[in-house]
N, C-alpha and C. Protein backbone atom coordinates (compact mmCIF):
# COMPACT_ATOMS: atom_id res chain seq x y z
N UNK A 1 0.89 -1.20 -0.03
CA UNK A 1 -0.02 -0.04 0.04
C UNK A 1 0.92 1.29 0.00
N UNK A 2 0.43 2.32 -0.68
CA UNK A 2 1.08 3.60 -0.63
C UNK A 2 0.02 4.60 -0.43
N UNK A 3 0.55 5.79 0.19
CA UNK A 3 -0.38 6.88 0.51
C UNK A 3 0.07 8.02 -0.46
N UNK A 4 -0.88 8.57 -1.29
CA UNK A 4 -0.54 9.63 -2.10
C UNK A 4 -1.69 10.71 -1.93
N UNK A 5 -1.13 11.92 -1.60
CA UNK A 5 -2.14 13.02 -1.39
C UNK A 5 -3.30 12.69 -0.48
N UNK A 6 -2.94 11.88 0.72
CA UNK A 6 -3.76 11.60 1.72
C UNK A 6 -4.78 10.47 1.29
N UNK A 7 -4.53 9.84 0.14
CA UNK A 7 -5.33 8.67 -0.31
C UNK A 7 -4.44 7.41 -0.31
N UNK A 8 -5.19 6.33 0.14
CA UNK A 8 -4.44 4.96 0.23
C UNK A 8 -4.72 4.14 -1.03
N UNK A 9 -3.66 3.66 -1.68
CA UNK A 9 -3.70 2.79 -2.84
C UNK A 9 -3.02 1.47 -2.65
N UNK A 10 -3.49 0.43 -3.37
CA UNK A 10 -2.80 -0.85 -3.39
C UNK A 10 -2.73 -1.28 -4.88
N UNK A 11 -2.00 -2.33 -5.06
CA UNK A 11 -1.67 -2.78 -6.43
C UNK A 11 -1.86 -4.32 -6.41
N UNK A 12 -2.42 -4.79 -7.48
CA UNK A 12 -2.72 -6.33 -7.59
C UNK A 12 -2.38 -6.76 -8.92
N UNK A 13 -1.51 -7.93 -9.00
CA UNK A 13 -1.17 -8.44 -10.24
C UNK A 13 -2.38 -9.50 -10.51
N UNK A 14 -2.88 -9.27 -11.88
CA UNK A 14 -4.01 -10.14 -12.10
C UNK A 14 -4.00 -10.64 -13.55
N UNK A 15 -4.35 -11.88 -13.60
CA UNK A 15 -4.56 -12.49 -14.92
C UNK A 15 -6.08 -12.38 -15.41
N UNK A 16 -6.18 -12.33 -16.73
CA UNK A 16 -7.49 -12.34 -17.30
C UNK A 16 -7.57 -13.30 -18.35
N UNK A 17 -8.24 -14.56 -18.19
CA UNK A 17 -8.39 -15.53 -19.15
C UNK A 17 -9.23 -15.09 -20.38
N UNK A 18 -10.24 -14.22 -20.10
CA UNK A 18 -11.13 -13.89 -21.27
C UNK A 18 -10.29 -12.94 -22.19
N UNK A 19 -9.63 -11.99 -21.66
CA UNK A 19 -8.82 -11.10 -22.55
C UNK A 19 -7.37 -11.81 -22.79
N UNK A 20 -7.09 -12.85 -22.22
CA UNK A 20 -5.91 -13.57 -22.53
C UNK A 20 -4.67 -12.69 -22.25
N UNK A 21 -4.50 -12.31 -20.90
CA UNK A 21 -3.30 -11.44 -20.55
C UNK A 21 -3.16 -11.40 -19.11
N UNK A 22 -2.22 -10.44 -18.71
CA UNK A 22 -1.84 -10.27 -17.50
C UNK A 22 -1.68 -8.76 -17.11
N UNK A 23 -1.97 -8.15 -16.05
CA UNK A 23 -1.87 -6.76 -15.89
C UNK A 23 -1.67 -6.53 -14.39
N UNK A 24 -1.58 -5.16 -14.14
CA UNK A 24 -1.54 -4.70 -12.74
C UNK A 24 -2.78 -3.63 -12.45
N UNK A 25 -3.52 -4.07 -11.37
CA UNK A 25 -4.62 -3.22 -11.17
C UNK A 25 -4.28 -2.15 -9.93
N UNK A 26 -4.76 -1.03 -10.12
CA UNK A 26 -4.71 0.05 -9.06
C UNK A 26 -5.93 0.10 -8.38
N UNK A 27 -5.83 -0.05 -7.10
CA UNK A 27 -7.05 0.05 -6.28
C UNK A 27 -6.99 1.13 -5.19
N UNK A 28 -8.03 1.88 -5.04
CA UNK A 28 -8.06 2.83 -3.86
C UNK A 28 -8.77 2.20 -2.68
N UNK A 29 -8.17 2.29 -1.53
CA UNK A 29 -8.74 1.82 -0.35
C UNK A 29 -9.58 2.90 0.31
N UNK A 30 -10.96 2.59 0.36
CA UNK A 30 -11.88 3.59 0.95
C UNK A 30 -12.65 2.85 1.88
N UNK A 31 -12.67 3.19 3.11
CA UNK A 31 -13.46 2.67 4.26
C UNK A 31 -13.20 1.01 4.35
N UNK A 32 -11.95 0.78 4.31
CA UNK A 32 -11.35 -0.68 4.34
C UNK A 32 -11.84 -1.51 3.07
N UNK A 33 -12.27 -0.91 2.12
CA UNK A 33 -12.74 -1.66 0.91
C UNK A 33 -11.78 -1.28 -0.38
N UNK A 34 -11.35 -2.17 -1.10
CA UNK A 34 -10.51 -1.95 -2.24
C UNK A 34 -11.44 -1.67 -3.52
N UNK A 35 -11.31 -0.51 -4.01
CA UNK A 35 -12.06 -0.05 -5.26
C UNK A 35 -11.09 -0.07 -6.41
N UNK A 36 -11.36 -0.85 -7.46
CA UNK A 36 -10.71 -0.96 -8.62
C UNK A 36 -10.84 0.32 -9.46
N UNK A 37 -9.66 1.02 -9.73
CA UNK A 37 -9.83 2.41 -10.35
C UNK A 37 -9.00 2.46 -11.75
N UNK A 38 -8.01 1.63 -11.95
CA UNK A 38 -7.14 1.69 -13.16
C UNK A 38 -6.40 0.41 -13.29
N UNK A 39 -5.92 0.27 -14.52
CA UNK A 39 -5.11 -0.93 -14.83
C UNK A 39 -4.20 -0.82 -16.05
N UNK A 40 -3.03 -1.33 -16.03
CA UNK A 40 -2.19 -1.57 -17.19
C UNK A 40 -2.25 -3.04 -17.53
N UNK A 41 -2.55 -3.34 -18.78
CA UNK A 41 -2.80 -4.67 -19.08
C UNK A 41 -2.09 -5.04 -20.28
N UNK A 42 -1.30 -6.25 -20.23
CA UNK A 42 -0.80 -6.77 -21.39
C UNK A 42 -1.74 -7.77 -22.04
N UNK A 43 -2.22 -7.55 -23.27
CA UNK A 43 -3.17 -8.27 -23.89
C UNK A 43 -2.38 -9.19 -24.93
N UNK A 44 -2.19 -10.48 -24.55
CA UNK A 44 -1.42 -11.31 -25.31
C UNK A 44 -2.11 -11.71 -26.68
N UNK A 45 -3.46 -11.71 -26.67
CA UNK A 45 -4.15 -12.14 -27.99
C UNK A 45 -3.95 -11.06 -29.02
N UNK A 46 -3.93 -9.75 -28.81
CA UNK A 46 -3.71 -8.80 -29.78
C UNK A 46 -2.36 -8.14 -29.75
N UNK A 47 -1.53 -8.62 -28.74
CA UNK A 47 -0.20 -8.14 -28.57
C UNK A 47 -0.07 -6.68 -28.42
N UNK A 48 -0.86 -6.20 -27.39
CA UNK A 48 -0.91 -4.66 -27.14
C UNK A 48 -0.82 -4.53 -25.63
N UNK A 49 -0.24 -3.36 -25.20
CA UNK A 49 -0.39 -2.88 -23.83
C UNK A 49 -1.43 -1.97 -23.71
N UNK A 50 -2.35 -2.06 -22.83
CA UNK A 50 -3.47 -1.21 -22.65
C UNK A 50 -3.63 -0.55 -21.39
N UNK A 51 -3.96 0.65 -21.23
CA UNK A 51 -4.19 1.46 -19.93
C UNK A 51 -5.73 1.80 -20.05
N UNK A 52 -6.27 1.41 -18.78
CA UNK A 52 -7.75 1.77 -18.62
C UNK A 52 -7.91 2.41 -17.38
N UNK A 53 -8.75 3.45 -17.19
CA UNK A 53 -9.03 4.03 -15.89
C UNK A 53 -10.53 4.09 -15.77
N UNK A 54 -10.96 3.90 -14.57
CA UNK A 54 -12.43 3.91 -14.29
C UNK A 54 -12.80 5.09 -13.25
N UNK A 55 -11.82 5.90 -13.08
CA UNK A 55 -12.00 7.08 -12.07
C UNK A 55 -11.39 8.27 -12.74
N UNK A 56 -12.10 9.34 -12.59
CA UNK A 56 -11.60 10.56 -13.33
C UNK A 56 -10.52 11.35 -12.56
N UNK A 57 -10.44 11.09 -11.21
CA UNK A 57 -9.45 11.89 -10.42
C UNK A 57 -8.37 10.89 -9.78
N UNK A 58 -7.46 10.49 -10.60
CA UNK A 58 -6.40 9.64 -10.17
C UNK A 58 -5.14 10.43 -10.20
N UNK A 59 -4.44 10.39 -9.00
CA UNK A 59 -3.18 11.22 -8.86
C UNK A 59 -2.10 10.65 -9.84
N UNK A 60 -1.41 11.59 -10.47
CA UNK A 60 -0.44 11.31 -11.47
C UNK A 60 0.68 10.25 -10.74
N UNK A 61 0.98 10.68 -9.53
CA UNK A 61 2.02 9.71 -8.85
C UNK A 61 1.52 8.30 -8.75
N UNK A 62 0.32 8.03 -8.56
CA UNK A 62 -0.26 6.71 -8.50
C UNK A 62 -0.14 6.10 -9.89
N UNK A 63 -0.41 6.76 -10.97
CA UNK A 63 -0.38 6.24 -12.39
C UNK A 63 1.06 5.87 -12.61
N UNK A 64 2.01 6.72 -12.24
CA UNK A 64 3.49 6.40 -12.40
C UNK A 64 3.84 5.30 -11.73
N UNK A 65 3.38 5.02 -10.46
CA UNK A 65 3.76 3.84 -9.75
C UNK A 65 3.09 2.58 -10.27
N UNK A 66 1.95 2.76 -10.82
CA UNK A 66 1.21 1.63 -11.53
C UNK A 66 2.09 1.12 -12.72
N UNK A 67 2.56 2.00 -13.52
CA UNK A 67 3.43 1.65 -14.70
C UNK A 67 4.72 1.08 -14.27
N UNK A 68 5.34 1.53 -13.09
CA UNK A 68 6.55 1.02 -12.56
C UNK A 68 6.38 -0.38 -12.21
N UNK A 69 5.26 -0.67 -11.56
CA UNK A 69 4.97 -1.98 -11.12
C UNK A 69 4.82 -2.93 -12.36
N UNK A 70 4.10 -2.46 -13.31
CA UNK A 70 3.82 -3.20 -14.56
C UNK A 70 5.16 -3.64 -15.12
N UNK A 71 6.01 -2.62 -15.32
CA UNK A 71 7.32 -2.88 -16.00
C UNK A 71 8.16 -3.88 -15.32
N UNK A 72 8.16 -3.84 -13.86
CA UNK A 72 8.90 -4.68 -13.01
C UNK A 72 8.31 -6.14 -12.96
N UNK A 73 7.05 -6.26 -12.78
CA UNK A 73 6.40 -7.54 -12.33
C UNK A 73 5.74 -8.27 -13.59
N UNK A 74 5.27 -7.52 -14.48
CA UNK A 74 4.48 -8.13 -15.59
C UNK A 74 5.44 -8.17 -16.92
N UNK A 75 6.03 -7.03 -17.22
CA UNK A 75 6.83 -6.89 -18.46
C UNK A 75 6.06 -6.84 -19.67
N UNK A 76 6.70 -6.43 -20.72
CA UNK A 76 6.14 -6.22 -22.07
C UNK A 76 6.30 -7.42 -22.90
N UNK A 77 6.84 -8.53 -22.39
CA UNK A 77 7.11 -9.71 -23.18
C UNK A 77 5.71 -10.61 -23.34
N UNK A 78 5.21 -10.59 -24.53
CA UNK A 78 4.02 -11.34 -24.80
C UNK A 78 4.03 -12.68 -24.81
N UNK A 79 3.12 -13.44 -24.20
CA UNK A 79 3.01 -14.83 -24.19
C UNK A 79 2.26 -15.26 -25.41
N UNK A 80 2.74 -16.44 -25.91
CA UNK A 80 2.08 -17.02 -27.27
C UNK A 80 0.89 -18.07 -26.89
């Protein structure tokens, strides 16, 4: 977990069998509940890296950390 601008965030490495890939999810912790707000996803089916956000007010520092974790833990190497 990290604190950015007084907000708590966590990160989860997640696979998605439907989209055939792996990604990192950014979650905001609100009242002890993790709310999924953004992801960087490596889509192995179409060989693309995708970024999706589900919240309009995400601190830049949290997005930077999301991409850092993606590069470190998931990587851009597509699976066949």
